[in-house]
Amino acid sequence: MSPYTVCLHDAEALPSSARIKAECIFAGALERRLGGAQSVATTYKTWIDAAECTADILTAEAAETASRWHAAVREAEQAALRDVGHFEGTPHFDIRLARP
């Protein structure tokens, strides 16, 4: 079982096969950039935790991880949506961590 799931939202005009392909490309790009599925989940969790704490208690390591997360997501979104074409809406990917 994967430690996270990905869902493309606001892309209702896309056929299911294109949506699923984009979700797989997005997840694959994240995993290549961050070092595997478990690393994606760990990095995402660290990013969430960093976003919820104040700057004075944010560790340098957490700040670096959060920075890596943003770059990885941008790259993954570009790869996943590159061949989708233009359609109405603002597509975005939702990532959910598996429950322990």
PDB file of N, CA and C in Angstrom:
ATOM      1  N   MET A   1       0.842  -1.185   0.000  1.00  0.00           N
ATOM      2  CA  MET A   1       0.000   0.000   0.000  1.00  0.00           C
ATOM      3  C   MET A   1       0.883   1.242   0.000  1.00  0.00           C
ATOM      4  N   SER A   2       0.548   2.194  -0.837  1.00  0.00           N
ATOM      5  CA  SER A   2       1.304   3.438  -0.931  1.00  0.00           C
ATOM      6  C   SER A   2       1.065   4.296   0.309  1.00  0.00           C
ATOM      7  N   PRO A   3       2.089   5.036   0.739  1.00  0.00           N
ATOM      8  CA  PRO A   3       1.909   5.885   1.917  1.00  0.00           C
ATOM      9  C   PRO A   3       1.131   7.169   1.624  1.00  0.00           C
ATOM     10  N   TYR A   4       0.731   7.373   0.361  1.00  0.00           N
ATOM     11  CA  TYR A   4      -0.054   8.556   0.008  1.00  0.00           C
ATOM     12  C   TYR A   4      -0.875   8.271  -1.252  1.00  0.00           C
ATOM     13  N   THR A   5      -1.879   9.118  -1.492  1.00  0.00           N
ATOM     14  CA  THR A   5      -2.658   9.048  -2.730  1.00  0.00           C
ATOM     15  C   THR A   5      -2.686  10.428  -3.363  1.00  0.00           C
ATOM     16  N   VAL A   6      -2.945  10.443  -4.664  1.00  0.00           N
ATOM     17  CA  VAL A   6      -3.011  11.686  -5.425  1.00  0.00           C
ATOM     18  C   VAL A   6      -4.335  11.719  -6.175  1.00  0.00           C
ATOM     19  N   CYS A   7      -4.965  12.879  -6.187  1.00  0.00           N
ATOM     20  CA  CYS A   7      -6.212  13.053  -6.933  1.00  0.00           C
ATOM     21  C   CYS A   7      -6.173  14.405  -7.652  1.00  0.00           C
ATOM     22  N   LEU A   8      -6.474  14.394  -8.938  1.00  0.00           N
ATOM     23  CA  LEU A   8      -6.533  15.627  -9.726  1.00  0.00           C
ATOM     24  C   LEU A   8      -7.939  16.208  -9.615  1.00  0.00           C
ATOM     25  N   HIS A   9      -8.035  17.445  -9.171  1.00  0.00           N
ATOM     26  CA  HIS A   9      -9.317  18.133  -9.013  1.00  0.00           C
ATOM     27  C   HIS A   9      -9.469  19.243 -10.049  1.00  0.00           C
ATOM     28  N   ASP A  10     -10.711  19.667 -10.254  1.00  0.00           N
ATOM     29  CA  ASP A  10     -11.073  20.735 -11.199  1.00  0.00           C
ATOM     30  C   ASP A  10     -10.625  20.403 -12.613  1.00  0.00           C
ATOM     31  N   ALA A  11     -10.776  19.139 -12.972  1.00  0.00           N
ATOM     32  CA  ALA A  11     -10.425  18.684 -14.319  1.00  0.00           C
ATOM     33  C   ALA A  11     -11.520  17.756 -14.842  1.00  0.00           C
ATOM     34  N   GLU A  12     -12.764  18.107 -14.548  1.00  0.00           N
ATOM     35  CA  GLU A  12     -13.887  17.256 -14.906  1.00  0.00           C
ATOM     36  C   GLU A  12     -14.010  17.043 -16.418  1.00  0.00           C
ATOM     37  N   ALA A  13     -13.514  17.972 -17.218  1.00  0.00           N
ATOM     38  CA  ALA A  13     -13.608  17.851 -18.670  1.00  0.00           C
ATOM     39  C   ALA A  13     -12.667  16.780 -19.222  1.00  0.00           C
ATOM     40  N   LEU A  14     -11.719  16.361 -18.422  1.00  0.00           N
ATOM     41  CA  LEU A  14     -10.776  15.330 -18.873  1.00  0.00           C
ATOM     42  C   LEU A  14     -11.427  13.953 -18.819  1.00  0.00           C
ATOM     43  N   PRO A  15     -11.156  13.130 -19.815  1.00  0.00           N
ATOM     44  CA  PRO A  15     -11.610  11.737 -19.710  1.00  0.00           C
ATOM     45  C   PRO A  15     -10.897  11.072 -18.522  1.00  0.00           C
ATOM     46  N   SER A  16     -11.523  10.077 -17.946  1.00  0.00           N
ATOM     47  CA  SER A  16     -10.951   9.393 -16.784  1.00  0.00           C
ATOM     48  C   SER A  16      -9.549   8.882 -17.060  1.00  0.00           C
ATOM     49  N   SER A  17      -9.315   8.354 -18.238  1.00  0.00           N
ATOM     50  CA  SER A  17      -7.992   7.804 -18.554  1.00  0.00           C
ATOM     51  C   SER A  17      -6.921   8.895 -18.534  1.00  0.00           C
ATOM     52  N   ALA A  18      -7.247  10.083 -19.013  1.00  0.00           N
ATOM     53  CA  ALA A  18      -6.286  11.199 -19.012  1.00  0.00           C
ATOM     54  C   ALA A  18      -6.044  11.701 -17.594  1.00  0.00           C
ATOM     55  N   ARG A  19      -7.087  11.717 -16.777  1.00  0.00           N
ATOM     56  CA  ARG A  19      -6.947  12.145 -15.379  1.00  0.00           C
ATOM     57  C   ARG A  19      -6.056  11.163 -14.619  1.00  0.00           C
ATOM     58  N   ILE A  20      -6.318   9.885 -14.792  1.00  0.00           N
ATOM     59  CA  ILE A  20      -5.519   8.868 -14.103  1.00  0.00           C
ATOM     60  C   ILE A  20      -4.067   8.921 -14.567  1.00  0.00           C
ATOM     61  N   LYS A  21      -3.852   9.114 -15.851  1.00  0.00           N
ATOM     62  CA  LYS A  21      -2.484   9.218 -16.375  1.00  0.00           C
ATOM     63  C   LYS A  21      -1.772  10.422 -15.757  1.00  0.00           C
ATOM     64  N   ALA A  22      -2.457  11.559 -15.670  1.00  0.00           N
ATOM     65  CA  ALA A  22      -1.857  12.759 -15.079  1.00  0.00           C
ATOM     66  C   ALA A  22      -1.524  12.527 -13.608  1.00  0.00           C
ATOM     67  N   GLU A  23      -2.394  11.846 -12.880  1.00  0.00           N
ATOM     68  CA  GLU A  23      -2.132  11.541 -11.463  1.00  0.00           C
ATOM     69  C   GLU A  23      -0.903  10.641 -11.317  1.00  0.00           C
ATOM     70  N   CYS A  24      -0.786   9.653 -12.200  1.00  0.00           N
ATOM     71  CA  CYS A  24       0.375   8.745 -12.155  1.00  0.00           C
ATOM     72  C   CYS A  24       1.670   9.477 -12.501  1.00  0.00           C
ATOM     73  N   ILE A  25       1.612  10.347 -13.494  1.00  0.00           N
ATOM     74  CA  ILE A  25       2.801  11.125 -13.861  1.00  0.00           C
ATOM     75  C   ILE A  25       3.202  12.039 -12.712  1.00  0.00           C
ATOM     76  N   PHE A  26       2.223  12.681 -12.085  1.00  0.00           N
ATOM     77  CA  PHE A  26       2.488  13.565 -10.953  1.00  0.00           C
ATOM     78  C   PHE A  26       3.174  12.802  -9.824  1.00  0.00           C
ATOM     79  N   ALA A  27       2.608  11.654  -9.438  1.00  0.00           N
ATOM     80  CA  ALA A  27       3.181  10.854  -8.352  1.00  0.00           C
ATOM     81  C   ALA A  27       4.577  10.366  -8.724  1.00  0.00           C
ATOM     82  N   GLY A  28       4.752   9.915  -9.958  1.00  0.00           N
ATOM     83  CA  GLY A  28       6.058   9.431 -10.399  1.00  0.00           C
ATOM     84  C   GLY A  28       7.114  10.520 -10.375  1.00  0.00           C
ATOM     85  N   ALA A  29       6.736  11.720 -10.803  1.00  0.00           N
ATOM     86  CA  ALA A  29       7.678  12.839 -10.802  1.00  0.00           C
ATOM     87  C   ALA A  29       8.069  13.218  -9.376  1.00  0.00           C
ATOM     88  N   LEU A  30       7.099  13.219  -8.464  1.00  0.00           N
ATOM     89  CA  LEU A  30       7.411  13.496  -7.053  1.00  0.00           C
ATOM     90  C   LEU A  30       8.386  12.457  -6.505  1.00  0.00           C
ATOM     91  N   GLU A  31       8.111  11.203  -6.795  1.00  0.00           N
ATOM     92  CA  GLU A  31       8.945  10.124  -6.259  1.00  0.00           C
ATOM     93  C   GLU A  31      10.370  10.172  -6.832  1.00  0.00           C
ATOM     94  N   ARG A  32      10.486  10.479  -8.109  1.00  0.00           N
ATOM     95  CA  ARG A  32      11.835  10.611  -8.687  1.00  0.00           C
ATOM     96  C   ARG A  32      12.589  11.772  -8.059  1.00  0.00           C
ATOM     97  N   ARG A  33      11.915  12.878  -7.863  1.00  0.00           N
ATOM     98  CA  ARG A  33      12.562  14.075  -7.323  1.00  0.00           C
ATOM     99  C   ARG A  33      12.925  13.926  -5.845  1.00  0.00           C
ATOM    100  N   LEU A  34      12.054  13.251  -5.087  1.00  0.00           N
ATOM    101  CA  LEU A  34      12.241  13.196  -3.634  1.00  0.00           C
ATOM    102  C   LEU A  34      12.825  11.872  -3.143  1.00  0.00           C
ATOM    103  N   GLY A  35      12.907  10.862  -4.000  1.00  0.00           N
ATOM    104  CA  GLY A  35      13.567   9.629  -3.596  1.00  0.00           C
ATOM    105  C   GLY A  35      12.658   8.484  -3.202  1.00  0.00           C
ATOM    106  N   GLY A  36      11.477   8.389  -3.763  1.00  0.00           N
ATOM    107  CA  GLY A  36      10.584   7.257  -3.493  1.00  0.00           C
ATOM    108  C   GLY A  36       9.308   7.671  -2.786  1.00  0.00           C
ATOM    109  N   ALA A  37       8.375   6.724  -2.742  1.00  0.00           N
ATOM    110  CA  ALA A  37       7.050   6.987  -2.188  1.00  0.00           C
ATOM    111  C   ALA A  37       7.103   7.364  -0.710  1.00  0.00           C
ATOM    112  N   GLN A  38       7.899   6.653   0.062  1.00  0.00           N
ATOM    113  CA  GLN A  38       7.977   6.961   1.493  1.00  0.00           C
ATOM    114  C   GLN A  38       8.584   8.341   1.724  1.00  0.00           C
ATOM    115  N   SER A  39       9.551   8.705   0.906  1.00  0.00           N
ATOM    116  CA  SER A  39      10.165  10.025   1.020  1.00  0.00           C
ATOM    117  C   SER A  39       9.174  11.130   0.657  1.00  0.00           C
ATOM    118  N   VAL A  40       8.305  10.867  -0.328  1.00  0.00           N
ATOM    119  CA  VAL A  40       7.252  11.840  -0.670  1.00  0.00           C
ATOM    120  C   VAL A  40       6.365  12.062   0.547  1.00  0.00           C
ATOM    121  N   ALA A  41       5.919  10.979   1.176  1.00  0.00           N
ATOM    122  CA  ALA A  41       5.035  11.093   2.337  1.00  0.00           C
ATOM    123  C   ALA A  41       5.722  11.824   3.490  1.00  0.00           C
ATOM    124  N   THR A  42       6.988  11.485   3.742  1.00  0.00           N
ATOM    125  CA  THR A  42       7.733  12.122   4.833  1.00  0.00           C
ATOM    126  C   THR A  42       7.941  13.608   4.559  1.00  0.00           C
ATOM    127  N   THR A  43       8.315  13.935   3.330  1.00  0.00           N
ATOM    128  CA  THR A  43       8.547  15.337   2.963  1.00  0.00           C
ATOM    129  C   THR A  43       7.257  16.139   3.055  1.00  0.00           C
ATOM    130  N   TYR A  44       6.161  15.569   2.563  1.00  0.00           N
ATOM    131  CA  TYR A  44       4.866  16.246   2.620  1.00  0.00           C
ATOM    132  C   TYR A  44       4.444  16.485   4.071  1.00  0.00           C
ATOM    133  N   LYS A  45       4.610  15.475   4.925  1.00  0.00           N
ATOM    134  CA  LYS A  45       4.257  15.614   6.344  1.00  0.00           C
ATOM    135  C   LYS A  45       5.105  16.698   7.001  1.00  0.00           C
ATOM    136  N   THR A  46       6.383  16.738   6.683  1.00  0.00           N
ATOM    137  CA  THR A  46       7.263  17.771   7.239  1.00  0.00           C
ATOM    138  C   THR A  46       6.825  19.151   6.764  1.00  0.00           C
ATOM    139  N   TRP A  47       6.432  19.257   5.490  1.00  0.00           N
ATOM    140  CA  TRP A  47       5.956  20.531   4.941  1.00  0.00           C
ATOM    141  C   TRP A  47       4.691  20.984   5.672  1.00  0.00           C
ATOM    142  N   ILE A  48       3.763  20.057   5.901  1.00  0.00           N
ATOM    143  CA  ILE A  48       2.536  20.393   6.636  1.00  0.00           C
ATOM    144  C   ILE A  48       2.884  20.887   8.040  1.00  0.00           C
ATOM    145  N   ASP A  49       3.746  20.141   8.720  1.00  0.00           N
ATOM    146  CA  ASP A  49       4.150  20.529  10.077  1.00  0.00           C
ATOM    147  C   ASP A  49       4.832  21.896  10.088  1.00  0.00           C
ATOM    148  N   ALA A  50       5.679  22.152   9.096  1.00  0.00           N
ATOM    149  CA  ALA A  50       6.380  23.440   9.019  1.00  0.00           C
ATOM    150  C   ALA A  50       5.394  24.579   8.782  1.00  0.00           C
ATOM    151  N   ALA A  51       4.383  24.331   7.977  1.00  0.00           N
ATOM    152  CA  ALA A  51       3.383  25.363   7.685  1.00  0.00           C
ATOM    153  C   ALA A  51       2.547  25.708   8.916  1.00  0.00           C
ATOM    154  N   GLU A  52       2.441  24.764   9.833  1.00  0.00           N
ATOM    155  CA  GLU A  52       1.610  24.966  11.020  1.00  0.00           C
ATOM    156  C   GLU A  52       2.363  25.553  12.211  1.00  0.00           C
ATOM    157  N   CYS A  53       3.687  25.661  12.107  1.00  0.00           N
ATOM    158  CA  CYS A  53       4.425  26.217  13.246  1.00  0.00           C
ATOM    159  C   CYS A  53       4.908  27.631  12.926  1.00  0.00           C
ATOM    160  N   THR A  54       5.300  28.335  13.953  1.00  0.00           N
ATOM    161  CA  THR A  54       5.780  29.693  13.759  1.00  0.00           C
ATOM    162  C   THR A  54       7.247  29.676  13.356  1.00  0.00           C
ATOM    163  N   ALA A  55       7.675  30.731  12.715  1.00  0.00           N
ATOM    164  CA  ALA A  55       9.044  30.814  12.198  1.00  0.00           C
ATOM    165  C   ALA A  55      10.100  30.666  13.291  1.00  0.00           C
ATOM    166  N   ASP A  56       9.804  31.117  14.492  1.00  0.00           N
ATOM    167  CA  ASP A  56      10.811  31.050  15.557  1.00  0.00           C
ATOM    168  C   ASP A  56      11.057  29.628  16.068  1.00  0.00           C
ATOM    169  N   ILE A  57      10.144  28.689  15.777  1.00  0.00           N
ATOM    170  CA  ILE A  57      10.381  27.306  16.204  1.00  0.00           C
ATOM    171  C   ILE A  57      10.635  26.363  15.020  1.00  0.00           C
ATOM    172  N   LEU A  58      10.673  26.918  13.817  1.00  0.00           N
ATOM    173  CA  LEU A  58      10.937  26.129  12.617  1.00  0.00           C
ATOM    174  C   LEU A  58      12.428  25.818  12.535  1.00  0.00           C
ATOM    175  N   THR A  59      12.758  24.548  12.478  1.00  0.00           N
ATOM    176  CA  THR A  59      14.164  24.165  12.383  1.00  0.00           C
ATOM    177  C   THR A  59      14.674  24.417  10.977  1.00  0.00           C
ATOM    178  N   ALA A  60      15.979  24.535  10.847  1.00  0.00           N
ATOM    179  CA  ALA A  60      16.595  24.723   9.530  1.00  0.00           C
ATOM    180  C   ALA A  60      16.311  23.525   8.636  1.00  0.00           C
ATOM    181  N   GLU A  61      16.325  22.340   9.213  1.00  0.00           N
ATOM    182  CA  GLU A  61      16.052  21.125   8.437  1.00  0.00           C
ATOM    183  C   GLU A  61      14.618  21.121   7.910  1.00  0.00           C
ATOM    184  N   ALA A  62      13.670  21.504   8.741  1.00  0.00           N
ATOM    185  CA  ALA A  62      12.269  21.565   8.315  1.00  0.00           C
ATOM    186  C   ALA A  62      12.078  22.617   7.234  1.00  0.00           C
ATOM    187  N   ALA A  63      12.742  23.744   7.366  1.00  0.00           N
ATOM    188  CA  ALA A  63      12.651  24.793   6.347  1.00  0.00           C
ATOM    189  C   ALA A  63      13.216  24.306   5.020  1.00  0.00           C
ATOM    190  N   GLU A  64      14.320  23.587   5.051  1.00  0.00           N
ATOM    191  CA  GLU A  64      14.921  23.032   3.839  1.00  0.00           C
ATOM    192  C   GLU A  64      13.994  22.002   3.195  1.00  0.00           C
ATOM    193  N   THR A  65      13.399  21.157   4.009  1.00  0.00           N
ATOM    194  CA  THR A  65      12.476  20.142   3.494  1.00  0.00           C
ATOM    195  C   THR A  65      11.260  20.795   2.860  1.00  0.00           C
ATOM    196  N   ALA A  66      10.718  21.813   3.496  1.00  0.00           N
ATOM    197  CA  ALA A  66       9.572  22.533   2.941  1.00  0.00           C
ATOM    198  C   ALA A  66       9.938  23.165   1.606  1.00  0.00           C
ATOM    199  N   SER A  67      11.125  23.688   1.511  1.00  0.00           N
ATOM    200  CA  SER A  67      11.599  24.282   0.261  1.00  0.00           C
ATOM    201  C   SER A  67      11.692  23.222  -0.845  1.00  0.00           C
ATOM    202  N   ARG A  68      12.207  22.040  -0.506  1.00  0.00           N
ATOM    203  CA  ARG A  68      12.297  20.947  -1.475  1.00  0.00           C
ATOM    204  C   ARG A  68      10.908  20.524  -1.935  1.00  0.00           C
ATOM    205  N   TRP A  69       9.940  20.551  -1.027  1.00  0.00           N
ATOM    206  CA  TRP A  69       8.575  20.147  -1.363  1.00  0.00           C
ATOM    207  C   TRP A  69       7.991  21.057  -2.439  1.00  0.00           C
ATOM    208  N   HIS A  70       8.118  22.359  -2.264  1.00  0.00           N
ATOM    209  CA  HIS A  70       7.567  23.304  -3.244  1.00  0.00           C
ATOM    210  C   HIS A  70       8.171  23.083  -4.628  1.00  0.00           C
ATOM    211  N   ALA A  71       9.470  22.921  -4.698  1.00  0.00           N
ATOM    212  CA  ALA A  71      10.137  22.713  -5.985  1.00  0.00           C
ATOM    213  C   ALA A  71       9.674  21.404  -6.620  1.00  0.00           C
ATOM    214  N   ALA A  72       9.554  20.353  -5.831  1.00  0.00           N
ATOM    215  CA  ALA A  72       9.132  19.052  -6.352  1.00  0.00           C
ATOM    216  C   ALA A  72       7.697  19.105  -6.878  1.00  0.00           C
ATOM    217  N   VAL A  73       6.815  19.776  -6.158  1.00  0.00           N
ATOM    218  CA  VAL A  73       5.416  19.878  -6.589  1.00  0.00           C
ATOM    219  C   VAL A  73       5.299  20.666  -7.882  1.00  0.00           C
ATOM    220  N   ARG A  74       6.013  21.774  -7.996  1.00  0.00           N
ATOM    221  CA  ARG A  74       5.975  22.565  -9.239  1.00  0.00           C
ATOM    222  C   ARG A  74       6.429  21.721 -10.427  1.00  0.00           C
ATOM    223  N   GLU A  75       7.524  21.013 -10.251  1.00  0.00           N
ATOM    224  CA  GLU A  75       8.048  20.171 -11.321  1.00  0.00           C
ATOM    225  C   GLU A  75       7.063  19.054 -11.678  1.00  0.00           C
ATOM    226  N   ALA A  76       6.475  18.427 -10.682  1.00  0.00           N
ATOM    227  CA  ALA A  76       5.530  17.334 -10.912  1.00  0.00           C
ATOM    228  C   ALA A  76       4.262  17.839 -11.610  1.00  0.00           C
ATOM    229  N   GLU A  77       3.766  19.005 -11.209  1.00  0.00           N
ATOM    230  CA  GLU A  77       2.583  19.577 -11.859  1.00  0.00           C
ATOM    231  C   GLU A  77       2.856  19.860 -13.332  1.00  0.00           C
ATOM    232  N   GLN A  78       4.000  20.440 -13.622  1.00  0.00           N
ATOM    233  CA  GLN A  78       4.349  20.728 -15.016  1.00  0.00           C
ATOM    234  C   GLN A  78       4.415  19.455 -15.835  1.00  0.00           C
ATOM    235  N   ALA A  79       5.055  18.425 -15.302  1.00  0.00           N
ATOM    236  CA  ALA A  79       5.167  17.156 -16.021  1.00  0.00           C
ATOM    237  C   ALA A  79       3.797  16.519 -16.236  1.00  0.00           C
ATOM    238  N   ALA A  80       2.960  16.538 -15.221  1.00  0.00           N
ATOM    239  CA  ALA A  80       1.662  15.869 -15.282  1.00  0.00           C
ATOM    240  C   ALA A  80       0.674  16.574 -16.210  1.00  0.00           C
ATOM    241  N   LEU A  81       0.762  17.893 -16.276  1.00  0.00           N
ATOM    242  CA  LEU A  81      -0.220  18.651 -17.062  1.00  0.00           C
ATOM    243  C   LEU A  81       0.293  19.064 -18.438  1.00  0.00           C
ATOM    244  N   ARG A  82       1.514  18.721 -18.748  1.00  0.00           N
ATOM    245  CA  ARG A  82       2.147  19.122 -20.012  1.00  0.00           C
ATOM    246  C   ARG A  82       1.325  18.709 -21.230  1.00  0.00           C
ATOM    247  N   ASP A  83       0.843  17.489 -21.264  1.00  0.00           N
ATOM    248  CA  ASP A  83       0.146  16.967 -22.436  1.00  0.00           C
ATOM    249  C   ASP A  83      -1.370  16.950 -22.300  1.00  0.00           C
ATOM    250  N   VAL A  84      -1.884  17.543 -21.243  1.00  0.00           N
ATOM    251  CA  VAL A  84      -3.321  17.512 -20.988  1.00  0.00           C
ATOM    252  C   VAL A  84      -4.079  18.456 -21.906  1.00  0.00           C
ATOM    253  N   GLY A  85      -3.471  19.541 -22.292  1.00  0.00           N
ATOM    254  CA  GLY A  85      -4.154  20.529 -23.118  1.00  0.00           C
ATOM    255  C   GLY A  85      -4.907  21.525 -22.259  1.00  0.00           C
ATOM    256  N   HIS A  86      -5.599  22.432 -22.912  1.00  0.00           N
ATOM    257  CA  HIS A  86      -6.320  23.484 -22.191  1.00  0.00           C
ATOM    258  C   HIS A  86      -7.779  23.079 -22.013  1.00  0.00           C
ATOM    259  N   PHE A  87      -8.306  23.332 -20.849  1.00  0.00           N
ATOM    260  CA  PHE A  87      -9.708  23.106 -20.574  1.00  0.00           C
ATOM    261  C   PHE A  87     -10.123  24.057 -19.467  1.00  0.00           C
ATOM    262  N   GLU A  88     -11.432  24.189 -19.284  1.00  0.00           N
ATOM    263  CA  GLU A  88     -11.948  25.103 -18.273  1.00  0.00           C
ATOM    264  C   GLU A  88     -11.629  24.593 -16.875  1.00  0.00           C
ATOM    265  N   GLY A  89     -11.370  25.496 -15.981  1.00  0.00           N
ATOM    266  CA  GLY A  89     -11.061  25.117 -14.607  1.00  0.00           C
ATOM    267  C   GLY A  89      -9.602  25.358 -14.279  1.00  0.00           C
ATOM    268  N   THR A  90      -9.287  25.197 -13.032  1.00  0.00           N
ATOM    269  CA  THR A  90      -7.918  25.341 -12.554  1.00  0.00           C
ATOM    270  C   THR A  90      -7.515  24.021 -11.916  1.00  0.00           C
ATOM    271  N   PRO A  91      -6.935  23.124 -12.718  1.00  0.00           N
ATOM    272  CA  PRO A  91      -6.605  21.810 -12.164  1.00  0.00           C
ATOM    273  C   PRO A  91      -5.548  21.897 -11.066  1.00  0.00           C
ATOM    274  N   HIS A  92      -5.727  21.086 -10.046  1.00  0.00           N
ATOM    275  CA  HIS A  92      -4.742  21.011  -8.978  1.00  0.00           C
ATOM    276  C   HIS A  92      -4.762  19.599  -8.392  1.00  0.00           C
ATOM    277  N   PHE A  93      -3.636  19.217  -7.843  1.00  0.00           N
ATOM    278  CA  PHE A  93      -3.487  17.883  -7.282  1.00  0.00           C
ATOM    279  C   PHE A  93      -3.640  17.940  -5.770  1.00  0.00           C
ATOM    280  N   ASP A  94      -4.423  17.008  -5.260  1.00  0.00           N
ATOM    281  CA  ASP A  94      -4.606  16.858  -3.827  1.00  0.00           C
ATOM    282  C   ASP A  94      -3.832  15.618  -3.398  1.00  0.00           C
ATOM    283  N   ILE A  95      -3.027  15.744  -2.374  1.00  0.00           N
ATOM    284  CA  ILE A  95      -2.239  14.637  -1.855  1.00  0.00           C
ATOM    285  C   ILE A  95      -2.772  14.311  -0.469  1.00  0.00           C
ATOM    286  N   ARG A  96      -3.003  13.037  -0.231  1.00  0.00           N
ATOM    287  CA  ARG A  96      -3.478  12.594   1.078  1.00  0.00           C
ATOM    288  C   ARG A  96      -2.569  11.506   1.596  1.00  0.00           C
ATOM    289  N   LEU A  97      -2.147  11.678   2.830  1.00  0.00           N
ATOM    290  CA  LEU A  97      -1.303  10.678   3.458  1.00  0.00           C
ATOM    291  C   LEU A  97      -2.164   9.519   3.943  1.00  0.00           C
ATOM    292  N   ALA A  98      -1.627   8.301   3.803  1.00  0.00           N
ATOM    293  CA  ALA A  98      -2.316   7.122   4.301  1.00  0.00           C
ATOM    294  C   ALA A  98      -2.349   7.176   5.831  1.00  0.00           C
ATOM    295  N   ARG A  99      -3.367   6.634   6.381  1.00  0.00           N
ATOM    296  CA  ARG A  99      -3.455   6.586   7.841  1.00  0.00           C
ATOM    297  C   ARG A  99      -2.507   5.524   8.357  1.00  0.00           C
ATOM    298  N   PRO A 100      -1.847   5.822   9.467  1.00  0.00           N
ATOM    299  CA  PRO A 100      -0.899   4.835  10.007  1.00  0.00           C
ATOM    300  C   PRO A 100      -1.573   3.577  10.504  1.00  0.00           C
TER     301      PRO A 100
END
